[in-house]
Amino acid sequence: MKKSLAIIALFFLVNLSAEAQRIATWKGGQTGRPRDWNCPTNWKEGRVPNEFSNVFIPDVSTSTFCYPLIDKGLVEVANIEYAPQARVDVRGNARFIVLDALTKTPAKKNENLAQSRSRHDSLTTARN
């Protein structure tokens, strides 16, 4: 009985750990909402990233041609990485916050965030 409980507890903890850090890969192109960050079908995994997500924005210049757009609300992610030439556009009163710098190149990541901010005059923050 104790062994069964230990196995169930271990399974539960592993499952929680897997849920805590999620990968989210942008694909874009959903009809009617091709650039909408908050549209689950624009994400390879079928879910919108949250504060526990490690986000990857690939180069979609030869596929959907649609980079993500955040145009309202607050979006928080654990980490974000960009392929060369990829970007996230942040507009209006939207806020985009990267909570962790998990990659070895946070300066490059912050540089990409700054480009989005200056191009659209929005608040984008990266903090450790």
Protein backbone atom coordinates (compact mmCIF):
# COMPACT_ATOMS: atom_id res chain seq x y z
CA MET A 1 0.00 0.00 0.00
CA LYS A 2 2.78 2.43 0.93
CA LYS A 3 4.60 1.64 -2.30
CA SER A 4 1.45 2.39 -4.33
CA LEU A 5 0.97 5.71 -2.55
CA ALA A 6 4.59 6.63 -3.16
CA ILE A 7 4.25 5.86 -6.87
CA ILE A 8 1.05 7.90 -7.13
CA ALA A 9 2.68 10.81 -5.30
CA LEU A 10 5.74 10.65 -7.55
CA PHE A 11 3.55 10.59 -10.66
CA PHE A 12 1.62 13.60 -9.35
CA LEU A 13 4.82 15.59 -8.69
CA VAL A 14 6.28 14.76 -12.10
CA ASN A 15 3.03 15.80 -13.74
CA LEU A 16 3.01 19.11 -11.84
CA SER A 17 6.60 19.76 -12.86
CA ALA A 18 5.77 19.11 -16.51
CA GLU A 19 2.84 21.52 -16.26
CA ALA A 20 4.95 24.22 -14.63
CA GLN A 21 7.32 24.69 -17.57
CA ARG A 22 5.60 24.51 -20.93
CA ILE A 23 6.98 25.02 -24.39
CA ALA A 24 4.92 27.30 -26.63
CA THR A 25 5.83 27.58 -30.32
CA TRP A 26 4.21 30.24 -32.50
CA LYS A 27 2.83 29.22 -35.90
CA GLY A 28 0.25 31.95 -36.61
CA GLY A 29 -2.04 32.20 -39.59
CA GLN A 30 -5.43 31.34 -38.02
CA THR A 31 -8.14 32.57 -40.40
CA GLY A 32 -9.60 35.83 -39.12
CA ARG A 33 -6.97 36.10 -36.38
CA PRO A 34 -3.62 35.41 -38.09
CA ARG A 35 -1.46 37.49 -35.70
CA ASP A 36 -3.49 37.25 -32.48
CA TRP A 37 -1.26 36.15 -29.59
CA ASN A 38 -4.36 35.15 -27.59
CA CYS A 39 -5.73 32.73 -30.22
CA PRO A 40 -4.90 29.13 -29.14
CA THR A 41 -4.84 27.82 -32.71
CA ASN A 42 -1.99 30.21 -33.55
CA TRP A 43 0.20 28.11 -31.24
CA LYS A 44 1.61 24.74 -32.25
CA GLU A 45 0.54 23.21 -28.93
CA GLY A 46 -3.02 24.59 -29.19
CA ARG A 47 -2.80 26.75 -26.06
CA VAL A 48 -1.88 30.35 -25.34
CA PRO A 49 1.37 30.75 -23.37
CA ASN A 50 1.21 31.87 -19.76
CA GLU A 51 3.69 32.91 -17.08
CA PHE A 52 5.06 29.34 -16.95
CA SER A 53 5.70 29.08 -20.70
CA ASN A 54 9.00 29.06 -22.54
CA VAL A 55 8.04 30.73 -25.82
CA PHE A 56 9.76 30.26 -29.17
CA ILE A 57 9.00 32.56 -32.09
CA PRO A 58 10.33 30.94 -35.29
CA ASP A 59 10.94 32.63 -38.62
CA VAL A 60 7.55 32.39 -40.35
CA SER A 61 8.57 34.53 -43.33
CA THR A 62 8.23 31.53 -45.65
CA SER A 63 5.15 29.90 -44.11
CA THR A 64 2.29 31.88 -42.51
CA PHE A 65 4.02 35.30 -42.79
CA CYS A 66 2.30 36.19 -39.50
CA TYR A 67 4.31 37.22 -36.46
CA PRO A 68 2.46 37.51 -33.13
CA LEU A 69 0.74 40.73 -32.15
CA ILE A 70 -0.15 41.71 -28.59
CA ASP A 71 -2.51 44.67 -28.78
CA LYS A 72 -4.29 44.59 -25.42
CA GLY A 73 -3.90 43.48 -21.85
CA LEU A 74 -0.95 42.04 -19.98
CA VAL A 75 1.00 39.05 -21.29
CA GLU A 76 3.59 37.36 -19.06
CA VAL A 77 5.87 34.50 -20.11
CA ALA A 78 8.72 32.76 -18.33
CA ASN A 79 11.13 33.04 -21.24
CA ILE A 80 11.17 33.92 -24.93
CA GLU A 81 13.55 33.08 -27.74
CA TYR A 82 13.46 34.37 -31.29
CA ALA A 83 14.72 32.92 -34.53
CA PRO A 84 16.76 35.40 -36.58
CA GLN A 85 14.42 38.01 -38.09
CA ALA A 86 11.47 36.90 -35.91
CA ARG A 87 9.64 39.35 -33.66
CA VAL A 88 6.68 40.04 -31.39
CA ASP A 89 4.77 43.26 -32.02
CA VAL A 90 3.35 45.01 -28.96
CA ARG A 91 0.93 47.89 -29.54
CA GLY A 92 -1.38 50.27 -27.76
CA ASN A 93 -1.65 49.85 -24.02
CA ALA A 94 -0.54 46.21 -24.11
CA ARG A 95 2.24 45.06 -21.79
CA PHE A 96 4.58 42.14 -22.50
CA ILE A 97 6.66 40.89 -19.58
CA VAL A 98 9.37 38.22 -19.68
CA LEU A 99 9.75 36.97 -16.12
CA ASP A 100 12.96 34.92 -16.46
CA ALA A 101 16.04 35.10 -18.61
CA LEU A 102 16.67 31.37 -19.03
CA THR A 103 18.75 31.55 -22.17
CA LYS A 104 22.43 32.34 -22.30
CA THR A 105 21.78 35.43 -24.43
CA PRO A 106 19.48 37.74 -22.44
CA ALA A 107 20.97 40.82 -24.08
CA LYS A 108 19.83 39.67 -27.51
CA LYS A 109 16.41 38.80 -26.10
CA ASN A 110 16.07 42.21 -24.47
CA GLU A 111 17.22 43.86 -27.68
CA ASN A 112 14.37 42.19 -29.58
CA LEU A 113 11.91 43.29 -26.92
CA ALA A 114 13.22 46.83 -27.11
CA GLN A 115 12.74 46.84 -30.90
CA SER A 116 9.09 45.90 -30.46
CA ARG A 117 8.65 48.58 -27.81
CA SER A 118 10.22 51.39 -29.80
CA ARG A 119 8.50 50.43 -33.03
CA HIS A 120 5.06 50.54 -31.44
CA ASP A 121 5.56 52.79 -28.42
CA SER A 122 4.34 50.11 -26.00
CA LEU A 123 5.61 49.01 -22.62
CA THR A 124 7.68 45.86 -22.84
CA THR A 125 9.67 44.66 -19.86
CA ALA A 126 12.22 41.93 -19.29
CA ARG A 127 13.07 41.21 -15.70
CA ASN A 128 15.04 38.54 -13.88
